[in-house]
């Protein structure tokens, strides 16, 4: 509504691109969106 960014994907979608530490850790964002 406020950023014209309806398209959001969870970072887990990209599990094949992320190493296990990144995927399992808590110090990472949850979502990525395109406006």
ModelCIF file with pLDDT and N, C-alpha, C, O atoms, coordinates in Angstrom:
data_MODEL
#
_entry.id   MODEL 
#
_entity.id                         1 
_entity.type                       polymer 
_entity.pdbx_number_of_molecules   1 
#
_entity_poly.entity_id                      1 
_entity_poly.type                           'polypeptide(L)' 
_entity_poly.nstd_linkage                   no 
_entity_poly.nstd_monomer                   no 
_entity_poly.pdbx_seq_one_letter_code       
;(UNK)(UNK)(UNK)(UNK)(UNK)(UNK)(UNK)(UNK)(UNK)(UNK)(UNK)(UNK)(UNK)(UNK)(UNK)(UNK)
(UNK)(UNK)(UNK)(UNK)(UNK)(UNK)(UNK)(UNK)(UNK)(UNK)(UNK)(UNK)(UNK)(UNK)(UNK)(UNK)
(UNK)(UNK)(UNK)
;
_entity_poly.pdbx_seq_one_letter_code_can   XXXXXXXXXXXXXXXXXXXXXXXXXXXXXXXXXXX 
_entity_poly.pdbx_strand_id                 A 
#
loop_
_entity_poly_seq.entity_id 
_entity_poly_seq.num 
_entity_poly_seq.mon_id 
_entity_poly_seq.hetero 
1 1  UNK n 
1 2  UNK n 
1 3  UNK n 
1 4  UNK n 
1 5  UNK n 
1 6  UNK n 
1 7  UNK n 
1 8  UNK n 
1 9  UNK n 
1 10 UNK n 
1 11 UNK n 
1 12 UNK n 
1 13 UNK n 
1 14 UNK n 
1 15 UNK n 
1 16 UNK n 
1 17 UNK n 
1 18 UNK n 
1 19 UNK n 
1 20 UNK n 
1 21 UNK n 
1 22 UNK n 
1 23 UNK n 
1 24 UNK n 
1 25 UNK n 
1 26 UNK n 
1 27 UNK n 
1 28 UNK n 
1 29 UNK n 
1 30 UNK n 
1 31 UNK n 
1 32 UNK n 
1 33 UNK n 
1 34 UNK n 
1 35 UNK n 
#
_struct_asym.id          A 
_struct_asym.entity_id   1 
#
loop_
_ma_qa_metric.id 
_ma_qa_metric.mode 
_ma_qa_metric.name 
_ma_qa_metric.software_group_id 
_ma_qa_metric.type 
1 global pLDDT . pLDDT 
2 local  pLDDT . pLDDT 
#
_ma_qa_metric_global.metric_id      1 
_ma_qa_metric_global.metric_value   81.97 
_ma_qa_metric_global.model_id       1 
_ma_qa_metric_global.ordinal_id     1 
#
loop_
_ma_qa_metric_local.label_asym_id 
_ma_qa_metric_local.label_comp_id 
_ma_qa_metric_local.label_seq_id 
_ma_qa_metric_local.metric_id 
_ma_qa_metric_local.metric_value 
_ma_qa_metric_local.model_id 
_ma_qa_metric_local.ordinal_id 
A UNK 1  2 96.00 1 1  
A UNK 2  2 97.00 1 2  
A UNK 3  2 97.00 1 3  
A UNK 4  2 96.00 1 4  
A UNK 5  2 97.00 1 5  
A UNK 6  2 96.00 1 6  
A UNK 7  2 95.00 1 7  
A UNK 8  2 96.00 1 8  
A UNK 9  2 95.00 1 9  
A UNK 10 2 93.00 1 10 
A UNK 11 2 91.00 1 11 
A UNK 12 2 89.00 1 12 
A UNK 13 2 90.00 1 13 
A UNK 14 2 90.00 1 14 
A UNK 15 2 84.00 1 15 
A UNK 16 2 85.00 1 16 
A UNK 17 2 85.00 1 17 
A UNK 18 2 78.00 1 18 
A UNK 19 2 63.00 1 19 
A UNK 20 2 47.00 1 20 
A UNK 21 2 52.00 1 21 
A UNK 22 2 52.00 1 22 
A UNK 23 2 51.00 1 23 
A UNK 24 2 50.00 1 24 
A UNK 25 2 52.00 1 25 
A UNK 26 2 57.00 1 26 
A UNK 27 2 66.00 1 27 
A UNK 28 2 78.00 1 28 
A UNK 29 2 87.00 1 29 
A UNK 30 2 90.00 1 30 
A UNK 31 2 94.00 1 31 
A UNK 32 2 95.00 1 32 
A UNK 33 2 96.00 1 33 
A UNK 34 2 95.00 1 34 
A UNK 35 2 94.00 1 35 
#
loop_
_atom_site.group_PDB 
_atom_site.id 
_atom_site.type_symbol 
_atom_site.label_atom_id 
_atom_site.label_alt_id 
_atom_site.label_comp_id 
_atom_site.label_asym_id 
_atom_site.label_entity_id 
_atom_site.label_seq_id 
_atom_site.pdbx_PDB_ins_code 
_atom_site.Cartn_x 
_atom_site.Cartn_y 
_atom_site.Cartn_z 
_atom_site.occupancy 
_atom_site.B_iso_or_equiv 
_atom_site.pdbx_formal_charge 
_atom_site.auth_seq_id 
_atom_site.auth_comp_id 
_atom_site.auth_asym_id 
_atom_site.auth_atom_id 
_atom_site.pdbx_PDB_model_num 
ATOM 1   N N  . UNK A 1 1  ? 0.799  -1.218  0.000  1.00 96.00 ? 1  UNK A N  1 
ATOM 2   C CA . UNK A 1 1  ? 0.000  0.000   0.000  1.00 96.00 ? 1  UNK A CA 1 
ATOM 3   C C  . UNK A 1 1  ? 0.839  1.280   0.000  1.00 96.00 ? 1  UNK A C  1 
ATOM 4   O O  . UNK A 1 1  ? 0.484  2.250   -0.669 1.00 96.00 ? 1  UNK A O  1 
ATOM 5   N N  . UNK A 1 2  ? 1.937  1.290   0.737  1.00 97.00 ? 2  UNK A N  1 
ATOM 6   C CA . UNK A 1 2  ? 2.703  2.528   0.904  1.00 97.00 ? 2  UNK A CA 1 
ATOM 7   C C  . UNK A 1 2  ? 3.994  2.580   0.100  1.00 97.00 ? 2  UNK A C  1 
ATOM 8   O O  . UNK A 1 2  ? 4.549  3.661   -0.099 1.00 97.00 ? 2  UNK A O  1 
ATOM 9   N N  . UNK A 1 3  ? 4.484  1.431   -0.367 1.00 97.00 ? 3  UNK A N  1 
ATOM 10  C CA . UNK A 1 3  ? 5.726  1.411   -1.145 1.00 97.00 ? 3  UNK A CA 1 
ATOM 11  C C  . UNK A 1 3  ? 5.526  0.853   -2.544 1.00 97.00 ? 3  UNK A C  1 
ATOM 12  O O  . UNK A 1 3  ? 6.496  0.675   -3.281 1.00 97.00 ? 3  UNK A O  1 
ATOM 13  N N  . UNK A 1 4  ? 4.273  0.573   -2.927 1.00 96.00 ? 4  UNK A N  1 
ATOM 14  C CA . UNK A 1 4  ? 3.982  -0.038  -4.233 1.00 96.00 ? 4  UNK A CA 1 
ATOM 15  C C  . UNK A 1 4  ? 4.831  -1.282  -4.449 1.00 96.00 ? 4  UNK A C  1 
ATOM 16  O O  . UNK A 1 4  ? 5.356  -1.509  -5.539 1.00 96.00 ? 4  UNK A O  1 
ATOM 17  N N  . UNK A 1 5  ? 4.960  -2.087  -3.396 1.00 97.00 ? 5  UNK A N  1 
ATOM 18  C CA . UNK A 1 5  ? 5.800  -3.281  -3.425 1.00 97.00 ? 5  UNK A CA 1 
ATOM 19  C C  . UNK A 1 5  ? 4.988  -4.492  -2.968 1.00 97.00 ? 5  UNK A C  1 
ATOM 20  O O  . UNK A 1 5  ? 5.141  -4.954  -1.838 1.00 97.00 ? 5  UNK A O  1 
ATOM 21  N N  . UNK A 1 6  ? 4.121  -5.006  -3.852 1.00 96.00 ? 6  UNK A N  1 
ATOM 22  C CA . UNK A 1 6  ? 3.309  -6.161  -3.462 1.00 96.00 ? 6  UNK A CA 1 
ATOM 23  C C  . UNK A 1 6  ? 4.037  -7.488  -3.584 1.00 96.00 ? 6  UNK A C  1 
ATOM 24  O O  . UNK A 1 6  ? 3.647  -8.472  -2.956 1.00 96.00 ? 6  UNK A O  1 
ATOM 25  N N  . UNK A 1 7  ? 5.109  -7.520  -4.401 1.00 95.00 ? 7  UNK A N  1 
ATOM 26  C CA . UNK A 1 7  ? 5.771  -8.790  -4.699 1.00 95.00 ? 7  UNK A CA 1 
ATOM 27  C C  . UNK A 1 7  ? 6.829  -9.092  -3.660 1.00 95.00 ? 7  UNK A C  1 
ATOM 28  O O  . UNK A 1 7  ? 7.941  -8.570  -3.741 1.00 95.00 ? 7  UNK A O  1 
ATOM 29  N N  . UNK A 1 8  ? 6.504  -9.928  -2.680 1.00 96.00 ? 8  UNK A N  1 
ATOM 30  C CA . UNK A 1 8  ? 7.444  -10.278 -1.625 1.00 96.00 ? 8  UNK A CA 1 
ATOM 31  C C  . UNK A 1 8  ? 7.728  -11.778 -1.632 1.00 96.00 ? 8  UNK A C  1 
ATOM 32  O O  . UNK A 1 8  ? 6.815  -12.598 -1.736 1.00 96.00 ? 8  UNK A O  1 
ATOM 33  N N  . UNK A 1 9  ? 8.997  -12.116 -1.520 1.00 95.00 ? 9  UNK A N  1 
ATOM 34  C CA . UNK A 1 9  ? 9.425  -13.508 -1.408 1.00 95.00 ? 9  UNK A CA 1 
ATOM 35  C C  . UNK A 1 9  ? 10.223 -13.692 -0.127 1.00 95.00 ? 9  UNK A C  1 
ATOM 36  O O  . UNK A 1 9  ? 11.006 -12.825 0.261  1.00 95.00 ? 9  UNK A O  1 
ATOM 37  N N  . UNK A 1 10 ? 10.014 -14.832 0.526  1.00 93.00 ? 10 UNK A N  1 
ATOM 38  C CA . UNK A 1 10 ? 10.782 -15.164 1.717  1.00 93.00 ? 10 UNK A CA 1 
ATOM 39  C C  . UNK A 1 10 ? 12.179 -15.602 1.305  1.00 93.00 ? 10 UNK A C  1 
ATOM 40  O O  . UNK A 1 10 ? 12.358 -16.229 0.261  1.00 93.00 ? 10 UNK A O  1 
ATOM 41  N N  . UNK A 1 11 ? 13.157 -15.274 2.119  1.00 91.00 ? 11 UNK A N  1 
ATOM 42  C CA . UNK A 1 11 ? 14.538 -15.601 1.765  1.00 91.00 ? 11 UNK A CA 1 
ATOM 43  C C  . UNK A 1 11 ? 14.757 -17.107 1.654  1.00 91.00 ? 11 UNK A C  1 
ATOM 44  O O  . UNK A 1 11 ? 15.690 -17.544 0.981  1.00 91.00 ? 11 UNK A O  1 
ATOM 45  N N  . UNK A 1 12 ? 13.903 -17.912 2.308  1.00 89.00 ? 12 UNK A N  1 
ATOM 46  C CA . UNK A 1 12 ? 14.032 -19.368 2.196  1.00 89.00 ? 12 UNK A CA 1 
ATOM 47  C C  . UNK A 1 12 ? 13.827 -19.862 0.768  1.00 89.00 ? 12 UNK A C  1 
ATOM 48  O O  . UNK A 1 12 ? 14.253 -20.966 0.429  1.00 89.00 ? 12 UNK A O  1 
ATOM 49  N N  . UNK A 1 13 ? 13.178 -19.056 -0.072 1.00 90.00 ? 13 UNK A N  1 
ATOM 50  C CA . UNK A 1 13 ? 13.013 -19.423 -1.483 1.00 90.00 ? 13 UNK A CA 1 
ATOM 51  C C  . UNK A 1 13 ? 14.384 -19.630 -2.132 1.00 90.00 ? 13 UNK A C  1 
ATOM 52  O O  . UNK A 1 13 ? 14.524 -20.413 -3.072 1.00 90.00 ? 13 UNK A O  1 
ATOM 53  N N  . UNK A 1 14 ? 15.379 -18.929 -1.626 1.00 90.00 ? 14 UNK A N  1 
ATOM 54  C CA . UNK A 1 14 ? 16.703 -18.949 -2.250 1.00 90.00 ? 14 UNK A CA 1 
ATOM 55  C C  . UNK A 1 14 ? 17.670 -19.850 -1.487 1.00 90.00 ? 14 UNK A C  1 
ATOM 56  O O  . UNK A 1 14 ? 18.877 -19.611 -1.474 1.00 90.00 ? 14 UNK A O  1 
ATOM 57  N N  . UNK A 1 15 ? 17.127 -20.884 -0.855 1.00 84.00 ? 15 UNK A N  1 
ATOM 58  C CA . UNK A 1 15 ? 17.939 -21.776 -0.031 1.00 84.00 ? 15 UNK A CA 1 
ATOM 59  C C  . UNK A 1 15 ? 19.095 -22.399 -0.810 1.00 84.00 ? 15 UNK A C  1 
ATOM 60  O O  . UNK A 1 15 ? 20.157 -22.644 -0.238 1.00 84.00 ? 15 UNK A O  1 
ATOM 61  N N  . UNK A 1 16 ? 18.907 -22.661 -2.108 1.00 85.00 ? 16 UNK A N  1 
ATOM 62  C CA . UNK A 1 16 ? 19.978 -23.274 -2.902 1.00 85.00 ? 16 UNK A CA 1 
ATOM 63  C C  . UNK A 1 16 ? 21.139 -22.312 -3.147 1.00 85.00 ? 16 UNK A C  1 
ATOM 64  O O  . UNK A 1 16 ? 22.238 -22.742 -3.498 1.00 85.00 ? 16 UNK A O  1 
ATOM 65  N N  . UNK A 1 17 ? 20.901 -21.014 -2.964 1.00 85.00 ? 17 UNK A N  1 
ATOM 66  C CA . UNK A 1 17 ? 21.952 -20.028 -3.180 1.00 85.00 ? 17 UNK A CA 1 
ATOM 67  C C  . UNK A 1 17 ? 22.668 -19.644 -1.887 1.00 85.00 ? 17 UNK A C  1 
ATOM 68  O O  . UNK A 1 17 ? 23.722 -19.009 -1.918 1.00 85.00 ? 17 UNK A O  1 
ATOM 69  N N  . UNK A 1 18 ? 22.084 -20.037 -0.740 1.00 78.00 ? 18 UNK A N  1 
ATOM 70  C CA . UNK A 1 18 ? 22.627 -19.612 0.540  1.00 78.00 ? 18 UNK A CA 1 
ATOM 71  C C  . UNK A 1 18 ? 23.347 -20.763 1.225  1.00 78.00 ? 18 UNK A C  1 
ATOM 72  O O  . UNK A 1 18 ? 22.937 -21.920 1.122  1.00 78.00 ? 18 UNK A O  1 
ATOM 73  N N  . UNK A 1 19 ? 24.422 -20.432 1.923  1.00 63.00 ? 19 UNK A N  1 
ATOM 74  C CA . UNK A 1 19 ? 25.124 -21.493 2.647  1.00 63.00 ? 19 UNK A CA 1 
ATOM 75  C C  . UNK A 1 19 ? 24.329 -21.854 3.902  1.00 63.00 ? 19 UNK A C  1 
ATOM 76  O O  . UNK A 1 19 ? 23.488 -21.066 4.335  1.00 63.00 ? 19 UNK A O  1 
ATOM 77  N N  . UNK A 1 20 ? 24.571 -23.016 4.491  1.00 47.00 ? 20 UNK A N  1 
ATOM 78  C CA . UNK A 1 20 ? 23.785 -23.458 5.655  1.00 47.00 ? 20 UNK A CA 1 
ATOM 79  C C  . UNK A 1 20 ? 23.807 -22.477 6.818  1.00 47.00 ? 20 UNK A C  1 
ATOM 80  O O  . UNK A 1 20 ? 22.812 -22.349 7.531  1.00 47.00 ? 20 UNK A O  1 
ATOM 81  N N  . UNK A 1 21 ? 24.922 -21.782 7.024  1.00 52.00 ? 21 UNK A N  1 
ATOM 82  C CA . UNK A 1 21 ? 24.997 -20.817 8.118  1.00 52.00 ? 21 UNK A CA 1 
ATOM 83  C C  . UNK A 1 21 ? 24.037 -19.663 7.885  1.00 52.00 ? 21 UNK A C  1 
ATOM 84  O O  . UNK A 1 21 ? 23.343 -19.222 8.802  1.00 52.00 ? 21 UNK A O  1 
ATOM 85  N N  . UNK A 1 22 ? 24.003 -19.181 6.659  1.00 52.00 ? 22 UNK A N  1 
ATOM 86  C CA . UNK A 1 22 ? 23.104 -18.086 6.319  1.00 52.00 ? 22 UNK A CA 1 
ATOM 87  C C  . UNK A 1 22 ? 21.653 -18.516 6.438  1.00 52.00 ? 22 UNK A C  1 
ATOM 88  O O  . UNK A 1 22 ? 20.820 -17.788 6.977  1.00 52.00 ? 22 UNK A O  1 
ATOM 89  N N  . UNK A 1 23 ? 21.358 -19.709 5.929  1.00 51.00 ? 23 UNK A N  1 
ATOM 90  C CA . UNK A 1 23 ? 19.979 -20.183 5.921  1.00 51.00 ? 23 UNK A CA 1 
ATOM 91  C C  . UNK A 1 23 ? 19.477 -20.460 7.327  1.00 51.00 ? 23 UNK A C  1 
ATOM 92  O O  . UNK A 1 23 ? 18.334 -20.141 7.652  1.00 51.00 ? 23 UNK A O  1 
ATOM 93  N N  . UNK A 1 24 ? 20.318 -21.050 8.162  1.00 50.00 ? 24 UNK A N  1 
ATOM 94  C CA . UNK A 1 24 ? 19.873 -21.424 9.491  1.00 50.00 ? 24 UNK A CA 1 
ATOM 95  C C  . UNK A 1 24 ? 20.024 -20.331 10.527 1.00 50.00 ? 24 UNK A C  1 
ATOM 96  O O  . UNK A 1 24 ? 19.430 -20.411 11.602 1.00 50.00 ? 24 UNK A O  1 
ATOM 97  N N  . UNK A 1 25 ? 20.816 -19.300 10.219 1.00 52.00 ? 25 UNK A N  1 
ATOM 98  C CA . UNK A 1 25 ? 21.039 -18.239 11.185 1.00 52.00 ? 25 UNK A CA 1 
ATOM 99  C C  . UNK A 1 25 ? 19.865 -17.293 11.296 1.00 52.00 ? 25 UNK A C  1 
ATOM 100 O O  . UNK A 1 25 ? 18.984 -17.264 10.437 1.00 52.00 ? 25 UNK A O  1 
ATOM 101 N N  . UNK A 1 26 ? 19.867 -16.516 12.371 1.00 57.00 ? 26 UNK A N  1 
ATOM 102 C CA . UNK A 1 26 ? 18.787 -15.564 12.600 1.00 57.00 ? 26 UNK A CA 1 
ATOM 103 C C  . UNK A 1 26 ? 19.164 -14.161 12.147 1.00 57.00 ? 26 UNK A C  1 
ATOM 104 O O  . UNK A 1 26 ? 18.307 -13.281 12.071 1.00 57.00 ? 26 UNK A O  1 
ATOM 105 N N  . UNK A 1 27 ? 20.446 -13.947 11.846 1.00 66.00 ? 27 UNK A N  1 
ATOM 106 C CA . UNK A 1 27 ? 20.879 -12.609 11.473 1.00 66.00 ? 27 UNK A CA 1 
ATOM 107 C C  . UNK A 1 27 ? 20.780 -12.416 9.965  1.00 66.00 ? 27 UNK A C  1 
ATOM 108 O O  . UNK A 1 27 ? 21.790 -12.283 9.273  1.00 66.00 ? 27 UNK A O  1 
ATOM 109 N N  . UNK A 1 28 ? 19.567 -12.402 9.476  1.00 78.00 ? 28 UNK A N  1 
ATOM 110 C CA . UNK A 1 28 ? 19.304 -12.169 8.057  1.00 78.00 ? 28 UNK A CA 1 
ATOM 111 C C  . UNK A 1 28 ? 17.888 -11.646 7.924  1.00 78.00 ? 28 UNK A C  1 
ATOM 112 O O  . UNK A 1 28 ? 17.052 -11.901 8.792  1.00 78.00 ? 28 UNK A O  1 
ATOM 113 N N  . UNK A 1 29 ? 17.602 -10.916 6.852  1.00 87.00 ? 29 UNK A N  1 
ATOM 114 C CA . UNK A 1 29 ? 16.233 -10.426 6.662  1.00 87.00 ? 29 UNK A CA 1 
ATOM 115 C C  . UNK A 1 29 ? 15.296 -11.577 6.307  1.00 87.00 ? 29 UNK A C  1 
ATOM 116 O O  . UNK A 1 29 ? 15.744 -12.657 5.923  1.00 87.00 ? 29 UNK A O  1 
ATOM 117 N N  . UNK A 1 30 ? 14.002 -11.338 6.439  1.00 90.00 ? 30 UNK A N  1 
ATOM 118 C CA . UNK A 1 30 ? 13.012 -12.365 6.150  1.00 90.00 ? 30 UNK A CA 1 
ATOM 119 C C  . UNK A 1 30 ? 12.533 -12.326 4.704  1.00 90.00 ? 30 UNK A C  1 
ATOM 120 O O  . UNK A 1 30 ? 12.392 -13.366 4.061  1.00 90.00 ? 30 UNK A O  1 
ATOM 121 N N  . UNK A 1 31 ? 12.283 -11.117 4.196  1.00 94.00 ? 31 UNK A N  1 
ATOM 122 C CA . UNK A 1 31 ? 11.626 -10.973 2.900  1.00 94.00 ? 31 UNK A CA 1 
ATOM 123 C C  . UNK A 1 31 ? 12.394 -10.044 1.976  1.00 94.00 ? 31 UNK A C  1 
ATOM 124 O O  . UNK A 1 31 ? 13.105 -9.141  2.415  1.00 94.00 ? 31 UNK A O  1 
ATOM 125 N N  . UNK A 1 32 ? 12.230 -10.290 0.696  1.00 95.00 ? 32 UNK A N  1 
ATOM 126 C CA . UNK A 1 32 ? 12.747 -9.384  -0.322 1.00 95.00 ? 32 UNK A CA 1 
ATOM 127 C C  . UNK A 1 32 ? 11.591 -9.046  -1.245 1.00 95.00 ? 32 UNK A C  1 
ATOM 128 O O  . UNK A 1 32 ? 10.825 -9.929  -1.632 1.00 95.00 ? 32 UNK A O  1 
ATOM 129 N N  . UNK A 1 33 ? 11.460 -7.775  -1.601 1.00 96.00 ? 33 UNK A N  1 
ATOM 130 C CA . UNK A 1 33 ? 10.321 -7.355  -2.403 1.00 96.00 ? 33 UNK A CA 1 
ATOM 131 C C  . UNK A 1 33 ? 10.723 -6.486  -3.569 1.00 96.00 ? 33 UNK A C  1 
ATOM 132 O O  . UNK A 1 33 ? 11.736 -5.789  -3.519 1.00 96.00 ? 33 UNK A O  1 
ATOM 133 N N  . UNK A 1 34 ? 9.919  -6.529  -4.630 1.00 95.00 ? 34 UNK A N  1 
ATOM 134 C CA . UNK A 1 34 ? 10.161 -5.715  -5.819 1.00 95.00 ? 34 UNK A CA 1 
ATOM 135 C C  . UNK A 1 34 ? 8.991  -4.784  -6.039 1.00 95.00 ? 34 UNK A C  1 
ATOM 136 O O  . UNK A 1 34 ? 7.837  -5.212  -6.009 1.00 95.00 ? 34 UNK A O  1 
ATOM 137 N N  . UNK A 1 35 ? 9.280  -3.505  -6.262 1.00 94.00 ? 35 UNK A N  1 
ATOM 138 C CA . UNK A 1 35 ? 8.198  -2.551  -6.454 1.00 94.00 ? 35 UNK A CA 1 
ATOM 139 C C  . UNK A 1 35 ? 7.817  -2.437  -7.926 1.00 94.00 ? 35 UNK A C  1 
ATOM 140 O O  . UNK A 1 35 ? 6.917  -1.673  -8.274 1.00 94.00 ? 35 UNK A O  1 
#
